[in-house]
Amino acid sequence: MSRLSASACSQLPISNPLAGPQRRTAHEVFGHLHCLFGGGDYTSSSALKTQLCNLRCGTHVVEYVTQWRAGVAQLNHSGYPFTLRESLEAFVDHLPDMDHKPTKDLVYQSLNRSDLELPSFESILECVITTDTHIYCNRPYAA
């Protein structure tokens, strides 16, 4: 703790004064600081958001969903401001219209509602994967 700045030290919760002085592990200190300040830096998180928003789905739906799932989790973990509303809209913008129109319509309609009424990001990802699986399973085989 001696290497932390005074402002960072002051943000850590105080230990129980009745139990006497307690040592904290580096892992505990890091956990508290990570909760307060987030992880990763702003520049790399901003670049990741730009990369996600520029992704195009094409025929590789599972890869698209996987990249979005990992990217949004990383942005949330770092504390970068990427709202659910922004992520939903950016995600469905580049889905193929023909196969995923109902999902896109659901998301676009929900964007007119309050934040509490938005579908979860994970539920939209699952809907897209389910639709893609259904399309793949019903595709006629080439003879």
Protein backbone atom coordinates (compact mmCIF):
# COMPACT_ATOMS: atom_id res chain seq x y z
CA MET A 1 0.00 0.00 0.00
CA SER A 2 2.99 2.29 0.40
CA ARG A 3 3.27 2.63 -3.40
CA LEU A 4 -0.30 3.87 -3.86
CA SER A 5 -1.01 7.56 -4.13
CA ALA A 6 -2.72 9.25 -1.21
CA SER A 7 -5.91 9.71 -3.23
CA ALA A 8 -6.03 6.00 -4.17
CA CYS A 9 -5.41 4.97 -0.54
CA SER A 10 -8.17 7.26 0.67
CA GLN A 11 -10.65 5.51 -1.65
CA LEU A 12 -10.09 2.09 -0.09
CA PRO A 13 -12.58 1.02 2.57
CA ILE A 14 -11.18 1.31 6.09
CA SER A 15 -10.55 -1.92 7.94
CA ASN A 16 -12.59 -2.74 11.02
CA PRO A 17 -11.19 -0.56 13.86
CA LEU A 18 -12.51 -2.98 16.50
CA ALA A 19 -10.48 -5.87 15.04
CA GLY A 20 -7.27 -3.88 15.11
CA PRO A 21 -4.94 -3.25 12.17
CA GLN A 22 -5.44 -5.76 9.38
CA ARG A 23 -3.18 -6.49 6.45
CA ARG A 24 -4.77 -6.68 3.03
CA THR A 25 -3.52 -8.83 0.25
CA ALA A 26 -2.52 -7.21 -3.02
CA HIS A 27 -5.43 -9.07 -4.60
CA GLU A 28 -7.93 -7.45 -2.20
CA VAL A 29 -6.48 -3.97 -2.79
CA PHE A 30 -6.49 -4.48 -6.56
CA GLY A 31 -10.10 -5.71 -6.42
CA HIS A 32 -11.24 -2.59 -4.56
CA LEU A 33 -9.33 -0.26 -6.87
CA HIS A 34 -10.61 -2.07 -9.96
CA CYS A 35 -14.20 -1.67 -8.75
CA LEU A 36 -13.62 2.03 -8.17
CA PHE A 37 -11.60 2.96 -11.23
CA GLY A 38 -12.24 0.17 -13.74
CA GLY A 39 -9.65 -1.73 -15.72
CA GLY A 40 -7.94 -1.05 -19.01
CA ASP A 41 -7.29 2.38 -20.36
CA TYR A 42 -9.66 4.73 -22.09
CA THR A 43 -7.81 4.76 -25.42
CA SER A 44 -7.82 0.99 -25.91
CA SER A 45 -11.45 0.77 -24.78
CA SER A 46 -12.40 3.51 -27.23
CA ALA A 47 -10.58 1.65 -30.01
CA LEU A 48 -12.42 -1.56 -29.09
CA LYS A 49 -15.78 0.21 -29.23
CA THR A 50 -14.92 1.62 -32.67
CA GLN A 51 -13.81 -1.83 -33.83
CA LEU A 52 -17.08 -3.39 -32.65
CA CYS A 53 -19.19 -0.70 -34.31
CA ASN A 54 -17.33 -1.23 -37.59
CA LEU A 55 -17.77 -5.02 -37.64
CA ARG A 56 -19.91 -6.44 -40.45
CA CYS A 57 -21.74 -9.70 -39.95
CA GLY A 58 -22.07 -11.18 -43.43
CA THR A 59 -22.48 -14.96 -43.36
CA HIS A 60 -20.31 -15.49 -40.26
CA VAL A 61 -23.02 -14.88 -37.66
CA VAL A 62 -21.48 -16.98 -34.88
CA GLU A 63 -18.12 -15.18 -35.20
CA TYR A 64 -19.92 -11.82 -35.21
CA VAL A 65 -21.85 -12.70 -32.05
CA THR A 66 -18.72 -14.07 -30.36
CA GLN A 67 -16.73 -10.90 -31.09
CA TRP A 68 -19.55 -8.70 -29.83
CA ARG A 69 -20.08 -10.78 -26.69
CA ALA A 70 -16.38 -10.66 -25.80
CA GLY A 71 -16.01 -6.98 -26.72
CA VAL A 72 -19.02 -5.78 -24.72
CA ALA A 73 -17.90 -7.85 -21.72
CA GLN A 74 -14.44 -6.29 -21.93
CA LEU A 75 -15.89 -2.77 -22.20
CA ASN A 76 -18.22 -3.37 -19.25
CA HIS A 77 -15.35 -4.81 -17.22
CA SER A 78 -13.18 -1.77 -17.96
CA GLY A 79 -15.94 0.65 -16.99
CA TYR A 80 -16.00 2.25 -20.44
CA PRO A 81 -19.26 4.13 -21.11
CA PHE A 82 -21.03 2.00 -23.75
CA THR A 83 -24.70 1.90 -22.85
CA LEU A 84 -27.02 -1.01 -23.46
CA ARG A 85 -28.99 1.17 -25.88
CA GLU A 86 -25.84 2.00 -27.90
CA SER A 87 -24.60 -1.58 -27.95
CA LEU A 88 -27.97 -3.01 -29.04
CA GLU A 89 -28.33 -0.54 -31.88
CA ALA A 90 -24.74 -0.93 -33.09
CA PHE A 91 -24.97 -4.73 -32.90
CA VAL A 92 -28.16 -5.11 -34.96
CA ASP A 93 -27.20 -2.42 -37.49
CA HIS A 94 -24.87 -4.84 -39.28
CA LEU A 95 -26.90 -8.04 -39.10
CA PRO A 96 -28.18 -9.36 -42.45
CA ASP A 97 -31.67 -7.92 -43.10
CA MET A 98 -33.11 -10.97 -44.79
CA ASP A 99 -32.51 -13.49 -41.99
CA HIS A 100 -32.63 -11.31 -38.90
CA LYS A 101 -35.29 -8.71 -39.70
CA PRO A 102 -37.60 -9.73 -36.79
CA THR A 103 -34.74 -9.37 -34.28
CA LYS A 104 -33.67 -6.05 -35.77
CA ASP A 105 -37.27 -4.78 -35.66
CA LEU A 106 -37.60 -5.87 -32.02
CA VAL A 107 -34.48 -3.96 -31.04
CA TYR A 108 -35.30 -0.85 -33.09
CA GLN A 109 -38.80 -0.70 -31.57
CA SER A 110 -37.43 -1.16 -28.06
CA LEU A 111 -35.08 1.80 -28.54
CA ASN A 112 -38.15 4.06 -28.31
CA ARG A 113 -38.89 2.79 -24.79
CA SER A 114 -37.28 3.45 -21.43
CA ASP A 115 -33.99 1.85 -20.43
CA LEU A 116 -35.84 -0.50 -18.07
CA GLU A 117 -37.82 -1.92 -21.00
CA LEU A 118 -34.83 -2.65 -23.22
CA PRO A 119 -34.12 -6.32 -23.91
CA SER A 120 -30.89 -7.62 -22.41
CA PHE A 121 -27.90 -7.73 -24.72
CA GLU A 122 -27.47 -11.44 -24.00
CA SER A 123 -31.10 -12.21 -24.94
CA ILE A 124 -30.61 -10.53 -28.33
CA LEU A 125 -27.39 -12.47 -28.92
CA GLU A 126 -29.20 -15.72 -28.10
CA CYS A 127 -32.06 -14.79 -30.43
CA VAL A 128 -29.60 -14.20 -33.29
CA ILE A 129 -27.79 -17.50 -32.63
CA THR A 130 -31.11 -19.40 -32.45
CA THR A 131 -32.27 -17.85 -35.73
CA ASP A 132 -28.98 -18.63 -37.42
CA THR A 133 -29.05 -22.24 -36.16
CA HIS A 134 -32.62 -22.65 -37.42
CA ILE A 135 -31.63 -21.27 -40.85
CA TYR A 136 -28.57 -23.51 -41.02
CA CYS A 137 -30.52 -26.65 -40.00
CA ASN A 138 -33.22 -26.01 -42.58
CA ARG A 139 -30.87 -25.21 -45.43
CA PRO A 140 -31.11 -27.76 -48.23
CA TYR A 141 -27.97 -29.78 -48.81
CA ALA A 142 -26.23 -29.46 -52.15
CA ALA A 143 -26.36 -32.74 -54.05
